[in-house]
Amino acid sequence: MITKDDIIEVGYVSKTHGLSGNLEVVITVDWLDELGVDFIFIDIDGCYIPFRIAEERTKNSGRLLKLDNIDTKEEAERCTDKEERTNAT
């Protein structure tokens, strides 16, 4: 099982965007783009779940992410107000 100590906090999910499960995220580190991260981990009910980033685009001071297997606004709402982490070092 993945623990908080295994992964690095890189930002947080601030809110949903639209009806198709997009998430607006705020990145809190300046080195993330250099790594080419394909997966993020989000704490869902106490477990860090990996999600593959299917699409990513810039929006104002944050980013919009479309994650695999998050296809509705309701599914995306389970991810809001959560830390975003990666296993990149």
PDB file of N, CA and C in Angstrom:
ATOM      1  N   MET A   1       0.836  -1.179   0.000  1.00  0.00           N
ATOM      2  CA  MET A   1       0.000   0.000   0.000  1.00  0.00           C
ATOM      3  C   MET A   1       0.883   1.245   0.000  1.00  0.00           C
ATOM      4  N   ILE A   2       0.491   2.238  -0.748  1.00  0.00           N
ATOM      5  CA  ILE A   2       1.230   3.493  -0.837  1.00  0.00           C
ATOM      6  C   ILE A   2       0.894   4.352   0.377  1.00  0.00           C
ATOM      7  N   THR A   3       1.942   4.867   1.024  1.00  0.00           N
ATOM      8  CA  THR A   3       1.729   5.734   2.179  1.00  0.00           C
ATOM      9  C   THR A   3       2.145   7.157   1.832  1.00  0.00           C
ATOM     10  N   LYS A   4       1.778   8.077   2.698  1.00  0.00           N
ATOM     11  CA  LYS A   4       2.112   9.489   2.515  1.00  0.00           C
ATOM     12  C   LYS A   4       3.626   9.698   2.422  1.00  0.00           C
ATOM     13  N   ASP A   5       4.395   8.867   3.102  1.00  0.00           N
ATOM     14  CA  ASP A   5       5.855   8.983   3.088  1.00  0.00           C
ATOM     15  C   ASP A   5       6.479   8.524   1.773  1.00  0.00           C
ATOM     16  N   ASP A   6       5.732   7.772   0.966  1.00  0.00           N
ATOM     17  CA  ASP A   6       6.246   7.259  -0.305  1.00  0.00           C
ATOM     18  C   ASP A   6       6.136   8.263  -1.447  1.00  0.00           C
ATOM     19  N   ILE A   7       5.350   9.307  -1.252  1.00  0.00           N
ATOM     20  CA  ILE A   7       5.060  10.240  -2.330  1.00  0.00           C
ATOM     21  C   ILE A   7       5.211  11.678  -1.853  1.00  0.00           C
ATOM     22  N   ILE A   8       5.373  12.592  -2.791  1.00  0.00           N
ATOM     23  CA  ILE A   8       5.674  13.994  -2.497  1.00  0.00           C
ATOM     24  C   ILE A   8       4.468  14.865  -2.838  1.00  0.00           C
ATOM     25  N   GLU A   9       4.104  15.770  -1.935  1.00  0.00           N
ATOM     26  CA  GLU A   9       3.017  16.704  -2.230  1.00  0.00           C
ATOM     27  C   GLU A   9       3.490  17.716  -3.264  1.00  0.00           C
ATOM     28  N   VAL A  10       2.688  17.887  -4.331  1.00  0.00           N
ATOM     29  CA  VAL A  10       3.039  18.833  -5.385  1.00  0.00           C
ATOM     30  C   VAL A  10       1.949  19.875  -5.626  1.00  0.00           C
ATOM     31  N   GLY A  11       0.836  19.743  -4.935  1.00  0.00           N
ATOM     32  CA  GLY A  11      -0.259  20.686  -5.111  1.00  0.00           C
ATOM     33  C   GLY A  11      -1.523  20.145  -4.489  1.00  0.00           C
ATOM     34  N   TYR A  12      -2.656  20.741  -4.906  1.00  0.00           N
ATOM     35  CA  TYR A  12      -3.946  20.285  -4.388  1.00  0.00           C
ATOM     36  C   TYR A  12      -5.031  20.506  -5.433  1.00  0.00           C
ATOM     37  N   VAL A  13      -6.090  19.719  -5.303  1.00  0.00           N
ATOM     38  CA  VAL A  13      -7.251  19.840  -6.171  1.00  0.00           C
ATOM     39  C   VAL A  13      -8.159  20.893  -5.555  1.00  0.00           C
ATOM     40  N   SER A  14      -8.406  21.983  -6.275  1.00  0.00           N
ATOM     41  CA  SER A  14      -9.193  23.065  -5.699  1.00  0.00           C
ATOM     42  C   SER A  14     -10.687  22.919  -5.971  1.00  0.00           C
ATOM     43  N   LYS A  15     -11.058  22.445  -7.179  1.00  0.00           N
ATOM     44  CA  LYS A  15     -12.480  22.287  -7.486  1.00  0.00           C
ATOM     45  C   LYS A  15     -12.643  21.524  -8.784  1.00  0.00           C
ATOM     46  N   THR A  16     -13.888  21.181  -9.077  1.00  0.00           N
ATOM     47  CA  THR A  16     -14.196  20.543 -10.350  1.00  0.00           C
ATOM     48  C   THR A  16     -14.344  21.615 -11.420  1.00  0.00           C
ATOM     49  N   HIS A  17     -14.312  21.175 -12.670  1.00  0.00           N
ATOM     50  CA  HIS A  17     -14.478  22.104 -13.788  1.00  0.00           C
ATOM     51  C   HIS A  17     -15.314  21.399 -14.850  1.00  0.00           C
ATOM     52  N   GLY A  18     -16.515  21.890 -15.103  1.00  0.00           N
ATOM     53  CA  GLY A  18     -17.376  21.292 -16.114  1.00  0.00           C
ATOM     54  C   GLY A  18     -18.073  20.043 -15.617  1.00  0.00           C
ATOM     55  N   LEU A  19     -18.647  19.312 -16.551  1.00  0.00           N
ATOM     56  CA  LEU A  19     -19.454  18.137 -16.211  1.00  0.00           C
ATOM     57  C   LEU A  19     -18.777  16.806 -16.520  1.00  0.00           C
ATOM     58  N   SER A  20     -17.615  16.843 -17.170  1.00  0.00           N
ATOM     59  CA  SER A  20     -16.991  15.588 -17.618  1.00  0.00           C
ATOM     60  C   SER A  20     -15.855  15.114 -16.722  1.00  0.00           C
ATOM     61  N   GLY A  21     -15.797  15.598 -15.479  1.00  0.00           N
ATOM     62  CA  GLY A  21     -14.818  15.088 -14.531  1.00  0.00           C
ATOM     63  C   GLY A  21     -13.485  15.801 -14.500  1.00  0.00           C
ATOM     64  N   ASN A  22     -13.385  16.971 -15.112  1.00  0.00           N
ATOM     65  CA  ASN A  22     -12.133  17.718 -15.055  1.00  0.00           C
ATOM     66  C   ASN A  22     -11.919  18.302 -13.662  1.00  0.00           C
ATOM     67  N   LEU A  23     -10.662  18.396 -13.280  1.00  0.00           N
ATOM     68  CA  LEU A  23     -10.287  18.942 -11.976  1.00  0.00           C
ATOM     69  C   LEU A  23      -9.410  20.162 -12.162  1.00  0.00           C
ATOM     70  N   GLU A  24      -9.684  21.190 -11.386  1.00  0.00           N
ATOM     71  CA  GLU A  24      -8.792  22.348 -11.367  1.00  0.00           C
ATOM     72  C   GLU A  24      -7.817  22.143 -10.225  1.00  0.00           C
ATOM     73  N   VAL A  25      -6.528  22.169 -10.543  1.00  0.00           N
ATOM     74  CA  VAL A  25      -5.503  21.917  -9.532  1.00  0.00           C
ATOM     75  C   VAL A  25      -4.561  23.113  -9.440  1.00  0.00           C
ATOM     76  N   VAL A  26      -4.012  23.284  -8.265  1.00  0.00           N
ATOM     77  CA  VAL A  26      -3.006  24.311  -8.016  1.00  0.00           C
ATOM     78  C   VAL A  26      -1.704  23.585  -7.722  1.00  0.00           C
ATOM     79  N   ILE A  27      -0.675  23.860  -8.512  1.00  0.00           N
ATOM     80  CA  ILE A  27       0.638  23.253  -8.327  1.00  0.00           C
ATOM     81  C   ILE A  27       1.438  24.152  -7.389  1.00  0.00           C
ATOM     82  N   THR A  28       2.013  23.564  -6.351  1.00  0.00           N
ATOM     83  CA  THR A  28       2.722  24.344  -5.330  1.00  0.00           C
ATOM     84  C   THR A  28       4.241  24.191  -5.398  1.00  0.00           C
ATOM     85  N   VAL A  29       4.734  23.508  -6.409  1.00  0.00           N
ATOM     86  CA  VAL A  29       6.183  23.372  -6.609  1.00  0.00           C
ATOM     87  C   VAL A  29       6.520  23.872  -8.005  1.00  0.00           C
ATOM     88  N   ASP A  30       7.730  24.360  -8.188  1.00  0.00           N
ATOM     89  CA  ASP A  30       8.088  24.910  -9.494  1.00  0.00           C
ATOM     90  C   ASP A  30       8.869  23.935 -10.374  1.00  0.00           C
ATOM     91  N   TRP A  31       9.165  22.759  -9.909  1.00  0.00           N
ATOM     92  CA  TRP A  31       9.980  21.799 -10.658  1.00  0.00           C
ATOM     93  C   TRP A  31       9.174  20.683 -11.313  1.00  0.00           C
ATOM     94  N   LEU A  32       7.870  20.665 -11.131  1.00  0.00           N
ATOM     95  CA  LEU A  32       7.055  19.540 -11.610  1.00  0.00           C
ATOM     96  C   LEU A  32       7.112  19.378 -13.129  1.00  0.00           C
ATOM     97  N   ASP A  33       7.071  20.472 -13.880  1.00  0.00           N
ATOM     98  CA  ASP A  33       7.081  20.391 -15.351  1.00  0.00           C
ATOM     99  C   ASP A  33       8.332  19.714 -15.888  1.00  0.00           C
ATOM    100  N   GLU A  34       9.434  19.860 -15.195  1.00  0.00           N
ATOM    101  CA  GLU A  34      10.691  19.275 -15.653  1.00  0.00           C
ATOM    102  C   GLU A  34      10.681  17.746 -15.604  1.00  0.00           C
ATOM    103  N   LEU A  35       9.794  17.168 -14.798  1.00  0.00           N
ATOM    104  CA  LEU A  35       9.795  15.723 -14.606  1.00  0.00           C
ATOM    105  C   LEU A  35       8.909  14.961 -15.579  1.00  0.00           C
ATOM    106  N   GLY A  36       7.947  15.626 -16.197  1.00  0.00           N
ATOM    107  CA  GLY A  36       7.052  14.927 -17.106  1.00  0.00           C
ATOM    108  C   GLY A  36       6.211  13.880 -16.395  1.00  0.00           C
ATOM    109  N   VAL A  37       5.546  14.258 -15.333  1.00  0.00           N
ATOM    110  CA  VAL A  37       4.750  13.343 -14.514  1.00  0.00           C
ATOM    111  C   VAL A  37       3.514  12.866 -15.282  1.00  0.00           C
ATOM    112  N   ASP A  38       3.296  11.551 -15.300  1.00  0.00           N
ATOM    113  CA  ASP A  38       2.134  10.962 -15.973  1.00  0.00           C
ATOM    114  C   ASP A  38       1.040  10.541 -14.999  1.00  0.00           C
ATOM    115  N   PHE A  39       1.398  10.385 -13.719  1.00  0.00           N
ATOM    116  CA  PHE A  39       0.447   9.932 -12.708  1.00  0.00           C
ATOM    117  C   PHE A  39       0.461  10.891 -11.526  1.00  0.00           C
ATOM    118  N   ILE A  40      -0.695  11.039 -10.885  1.00  0.00           N
ATOM    119  CA  ILE A  40      -0.764  11.722  -9.603  1.00  0.00           C
ATOM    120  C   ILE A  40      -1.472  10.791  -8.628  1.00  0.00           C
ATOM    121  N   PHE A  41      -1.268  11.027  -7.359  1.00  0.00           N
ATOM    122  CA  PHE A  41      -1.902  10.254  -6.308  1.00  0.00           C
ATOM    123  C   PHE A  41      -2.809  11.191  -5.519  1.00  0.00           C
ATOM    124  N   ILE A  42      -4.040  10.748  -5.292  1.00  0.00           N
ATOM    125  CA  ILE A  42      -5.009  11.537  -4.530  1.00  0.00           C
ATOM    126  C   ILE A  42      -5.524  10.680  -3.393  1.00  0.00           C
ATOM    127  N   ASP A  43      -5.599  11.280  -2.204  1.00  0.00           N
ATOM    128  CA  ASP A  43      -6.106  10.592  -1.010  1.00  0.00           C
ATOM    129  C   ASP A  43      -7.624  10.461  -1.129  1.00  0.00           C
ATOM    130  N   ILE A  44      -8.086   9.235  -1.304  1.00  0.00           N
ATOM    131  CA  ILE A  44      -9.522   8.942  -1.357  1.00  0.00           C
ATOM    132  C   ILE A  44      -9.825   8.015  -0.186  1.00  0.00           C
ATOM    133  N   ASP A  45     -10.553   8.532   0.775  1.00  0.00           N
ATOM    134  CA  ASP A  45     -10.947   7.741   1.949  1.00  0.00           C
ATOM    135  C   ASP A  45      -9.752   7.101   2.658  1.00  0.00           C
ATOM    136  N   GLY A  46      -8.655   7.853   2.771  1.00  0.00           N
ATOM    137  CA  GLY A  46      -7.491   7.383   3.510  1.00  0.00           C
ATOM    138  C   GLY A  46      -6.505   6.540   2.725  1.00  0.00           C
ATOM    139  N   CYS A  47      -6.766   6.306   1.447  1.00  0.00           N
ATOM    140  CA  CYS A  47      -5.847   5.545   0.594  1.00  0.00           C
ATOM    141  C   CYS A  47      -5.372   6.428  -0.549  1.00  0.00           C
ATOM    142  N   TYR A  48      -4.077   6.404  -0.837  1.00  0.00           N
ATOM    143  CA  TYR A  48      -3.541   7.175  -1.962  1.00  0.00           C
ATOM    144  C   TYR A  48      -3.735   6.376  -3.236  1.00  0.00           C
ATOM    145  N   ILE A  49      -4.604   6.884  -4.100  1.00  0.00           N
ATOM    146  CA  ILE A  49      -4.976   6.202  -5.330  1.00  0.00           C
ATOM    147  C   ILE A  49      -4.240   6.859  -6.497  1.00  0.00           C
ATOM    148  N   PRO A  50      -3.561   6.053  -7.345  1.00  0.00           N
ATOM    149  CA  PRO A  50      -2.886   6.631  -8.512  1.00  0.00           C
ATOM    150  C   PRO A  50      -3.886   6.874  -9.640  1.00  0.00           C
ATOM    151  N   PHE A  51      -3.767   8.016 -10.283  1.00  0.00           N
ATOM    152  CA  PHE A  51      -4.578   8.350 -11.444  1.00  0.00           C
ATOM    153  C   PHE A  51      -3.654   8.764 -12.571  1.00  0.00           C
ATOM    154  N   ARG A  52      -3.880   8.217 -13.744  1.00  0.00           N
ATOM    155  CA  ARG A  52      -3.109   8.605 -14.925  1.00  0.00           C
ATOM    156  C   ARG A  52      -3.677   9.910 -15.462  1.00  0.00           C
ATOM    157  N   ILE A  53      -2.799  10.847 -15.782  1.00  0.00           N
ATOM    158  CA  ILE A  53      -3.216  12.120 -16.356  1.00  0.00           C
ATOM    159  C   ILE A  53      -3.479  11.904 -17.845  1.00  0.00           C
ATOM    160  N   ALA A  54      -4.749  11.996 -18.246  1.00  0.00           N
ATOM    161  CA  ALA A  54      -5.120  11.795 -19.647  1.00  0.00           C
ATOM    162  C   ALA A  54      -4.947  13.071 -20.458  1.00  0.00           C
ATOM    163  N   GLU A  55      -5.296  14.213 -19.852  1.00  0.00           N
ATOM    164  CA  GLU A  55      -5.153  15.513 -20.512  1.00  0.00           C
ATOM    165  C   GLU A  55      -4.776  16.546 -19.466  1.00  0.00           C
ATOM    166  N   GLU A  56      -4.043  17.566 -19.910  1.00  0.00           N
ATOM    167  CA  GLU A  56      -3.639  18.642 -19.010  1.00  0.00           C
ATOM    168  C   GLU A  56      -3.587  19.942 -19.796  1.00  0.00           C
ATOM    169  N   ARG A  57      -4.117  21.003 -19.203  1.00  0.00           N
ATOM    170  CA  ARG A  57      -3.997  22.323 -19.830  1.00  0.00           C
ATOM    171  C   ARG A  57      -3.941  23.397 -18.758  1.00  0.00           C
ATOM    172  N   THR A  58      -3.374  24.523 -19.106  1.00  0.00           N
ATOM    173  CA  THR A  58      -3.201  25.630 -18.163  1.00  0.00           C
ATOM    174  C   THR A  58      -4.474  26.463 -18.099  1.00  0.00           C
ATOM    175  N   LYS A  59      -4.823  26.891 -16.890  1.00  0.00           N
ATOM    176  CA  LYS A  59      -5.973  27.771 -16.686  1.00  0.00           C
ATOM    177  C   LYS A  59      -5.626  28.749 -15.572  1.00  0.00           C
ATOM    178  N   ASN A  60      -5.508  30.036 -15.921  1.00  0.00           N
ATOM    179  CA  ASN A  60      -5.166  31.082 -14.960  1.00  0.00           C
ATOM    180  C   ASN A  60      -3.925  30.680 -14.166  1.00  0.00           C
ATOM    181  N   SER A  61      -4.028  30.641 -12.847  1.00  0.00           N
ATOM    182  CA  SER A  61      -2.862  30.301 -12.026  1.00  0.00           C
ATOM    183  C   SER A  61      -2.781  28.807 -11.731  1.00  0.00           C
ATOM    184  N   GLY A  62      -3.694  28.030 -12.254  1.00  0.00           N
ATOM    185  CA  GLY A  62      -3.692  26.595 -12.001  1.00  0.00           C
ATOM    186  C   GLY A  62      -3.676  25.800 -13.285  1.00  0.00           C
ATOM    187  N   ARG A  63      -4.132  24.565 -13.182  1.00  0.00           N
ATOM    188  CA  ARG A  63      -4.198  23.684 -14.338  1.00  0.00           C
ATOM    189  C   ARG A  63      -5.496  22.902 -14.297  1.00  0.00           C
ATOM    190  N   LEU A  64      -5.935  22.514 -15.462  1.00  0.00           N
ATOM    191  CA  LEU A  64      -7.075  21.610 -15.568  1.00  0.00           C
ATOM    192  C   LEU A  64      -6.542  20.237 -15.929  1.00  0.00           C
ATOM    193  N   LEU A  65      -6.940  19.249 -15.168  1.00  0.00           N
ATOM    194  CA  LEU A  65      -6.531  17.878 -15.439  1.00  0.00           C
ATOM    195  C   LEU A  65      -7.754  17.031 -15.739  1.00  0.00           C
ATOM    196  N   LYS A  66      -7.620  16.173 -16.713  1.00  0.00           N
ATOM    197  CA  LYS A  66      -8.585  15.108 -16.970  1.00  0.00           C
ATOM    198  C   LYS A  66      -7.857  13.828 -16.620  1.00  0.00           C
ATOM    199  N   LEU A  67      -8.390  13.116 -15.630  1.00  0.00           N
ATOM    200  CA  LEU A  67      -7.763  11.880 -15.160  1.00  0.00           C
ATOM    201  C   LEU A  67      -8.528  10.681 -15.690  1.00  0.00           C
ATOM    202  N   ASP A  68      -7.806   9.603 -15.976  1.00  0.00           N
ATOM    203  CA  ASP A  68      -8.465   8.359 -16.373  1.00  0.00           C
ATOM    204  C   ASP A  68      -9.418   7.917 -15.262  1.00  0.00           C
ATOM    205  N   ASN A  69     -10.558   7.418 -15.654  1.00  0.00           N
ATOM    206  CA  ASN A  69     -11.580   6.854 -14.760  1.00  0.00           C
ATOM    207  C   ASN A  69     -12.307   7.885 -13.905  1.00  0.00           C
ATOM    208  N   ILE A  70     -12.125   9.158 -14.165  1.00  0.00           N
ATOM    209  CA  ILE A  70     -12.922  10.213 -13.531  1.00  0.00           C
ATOM    210  C   ILE A  70     -13.681  10.871 -14.679  1.00  0.00           C
ATOM    211  N   ASP A  71     -14.943  10.478 -14.851  1.00  0.00           N
ATOM    212  CA  ASP A  71     -15.689  10.878 -16.044  1.00  0.00           C
ATOM    213  C   ASP A  71     -16.916  11.738 -15.781  1.00  0.00           C
ATOM    214  N   THR A  72     -17.245  11.976 -14.517  1.00  0.00           N
ATOM    215  CA  THR A  72     -18.417  12.795 -14.202  1.00  0.00           C
ATOM    216  C   THR A  72     -18.049  13.827 -13.141  1.00  0.00           C
ATOM    217  N   LYS A  73     -18.871  14.848 -13.038  1.00  0.00           N
ATOM    218  CA  LYS A  73     -18.653  15.868 -12.015  1.00  0.00           C
ATOM    219  C   LYS A  73     -18.731  15.247 -10.624  1.00  0.00           C
ATOM    220  N   GLU A  74     -19.629  14.303 -10.437  1.00  0.00           N
ATOM    221  CA  GLU A  74     -19.794  13.649  -9.132  1.00  0.00           C
ATOM    222  C   GLU A  74     -18.543  12.870  -8.738  1.00  0.00           C
ATOM    223  N   GLU A  75     -17.951  12.157  -9.684  1.00  0.00           N
ATOM    224  CA  GLU A  75     -16.707  11.439  -9.399  1.00  0.00           C
ATOM    225  C   GLU A  75     -15.584  12.420  -9.085  1.00  0.00           C
ATOM    226  N   ALA A  76     -15.535  13.523  -9.809  1.00  0.00           N
ATOM    227  CA  ALA A  76     -14.494  14.523  -9.591  1.00  0.00           C
ATOM    228  C   ALA A  76     -14.653  15.188  -8.221  1.00  0.00           C
ATOM    229  N   GLU A  77     -15.883  15.357  -7.753  1.00  0.00           N
ATOM    230  CA  GLU A  77     -16.103  15.994  -6.454  1.00  0.00           C
ATOM    231  C   GLU A  77     -15.486  15.209  -5.301  1.00  0.00           C
ATOM    232  N   ARG A  78     -15.335  13.909  -5.448  1.00  0.00           N
ATOM    233  CA  ARG A  78     -14.674  13.096  -4.412  1.00  0.00           C
ATOM    234  C   ARG A  78     -13.199  13.432  -4.278  1.00  0.00           C
ATOM    235  N   CYS A  79     -12.630  14.085  -5.294  1.00  0.00           N
ATOM    236  CA  CYS A  79     -11.208  14.423  -5.307  1.00  0.00           C
ATOM    237  C   CYS A  79     -10.926  15.860  -4.878  1.00  0.00           C
ATOM    238  N   THR A  80     -11.946  16.680  -4.698  1.00  0.00           N
ATOM    239  CA  THR A  80     -11.711  18.088  -4.384  1.00  0.00           C
ATOM    240  C   THR A  80     -11.253  18.272  -2.947  1.00  0.00           C
ATOM    241  N   ASP A  81     -10.550  19.368  -2.726  1.00  0.00           N
ATOM    242  CA  ASP A  81      -9.968  19.700  -1.419  1.00  0.00           C
ATOM    243  C   ASP A  81      -9.015  18.623  -0.933  1.00  0.00           C
ATOM    244  N   LYS A  82      -8.301  18.002  -1.860  1.00  0.00           N
ATOM    245  CA  LYS A  82      -7.342  16.937  -1.535  1.00  0.00           C
ATOM    246  C   LYS A  82      -5.968  17.337  -2.013  1.00  0.00           C
ATOM    247  N   GLU A  83      -4.960  16.798  -1.318  1.00  0.00           N
ATOM    248  CA  GLU A  83      -3.581  16.966  -1.776  1.00  0.00           C
ATOM    249  C   GLU A  83      -3.376  16.215  -3.072  1.00  0.00           C
ATOM    250  N   GLU A  84      -2.514  16.763  -3.884  1.00  0.00           N
ATOM    251  CA  GLU A  84      -2.082  16.075  -5.107  1.00  0.00           C
ATOM    252  C   GLU A  84      -0.627  15.710  -4.875  1.00  0.00           C
ATOM    253  N   ARG A  85      -0.275  14.455  -5.110  1.00  0.00           N
ATOM    254  CA  ARG A  85       1.077  13.983  -4.836  1.00  0.00           C
ATOM    255  C   ARG A  85       1.602  13.216  -6.027  1.00  0.00           C
ATOM    256  N   THR A  86       2.903  13.048  -6.075  1.00  0.00           N
ATOM    257  CA  THR A  86       3.539  12.239  -7.107  1.00  0.00           C
ATOM    258  C   THR A  86       4.677  11.445  -6.484  1.00  0.00           C
ATOM    259  N   ASN A  87       5.081  10.387  -7.161  1.00  0.00           N
ATOM    260  CA  ASN A  87       6.213   9.597  -6.654  1.00  0.00           C
ATOM    261  C   ASN A  87       7.529  10.028  -7.277  1.00  0.00           C
ATOM    262  N   ALA A  88       7.517  11.101  -8.058  1.00  0.00           N
ATOM    263  CA  ALA A  88       8.755  11.611  -8.665  1.00  0.00           C
ATOM    264  C   ALA A  88       9.642  12.220  -7.592  1.00  0.00           C
ATOM    265  N   THR A  89      10.939  12.033  -7.748  1.00  0.00           N
ATOM    266  CA  THR A  89      11.873  12.625  -6.787  1.00  0.00           C
ATOM    267  C   THR A  89      12.887  13.481  -7.492  1.00  0.00           C
TER     268      THR A  89
END
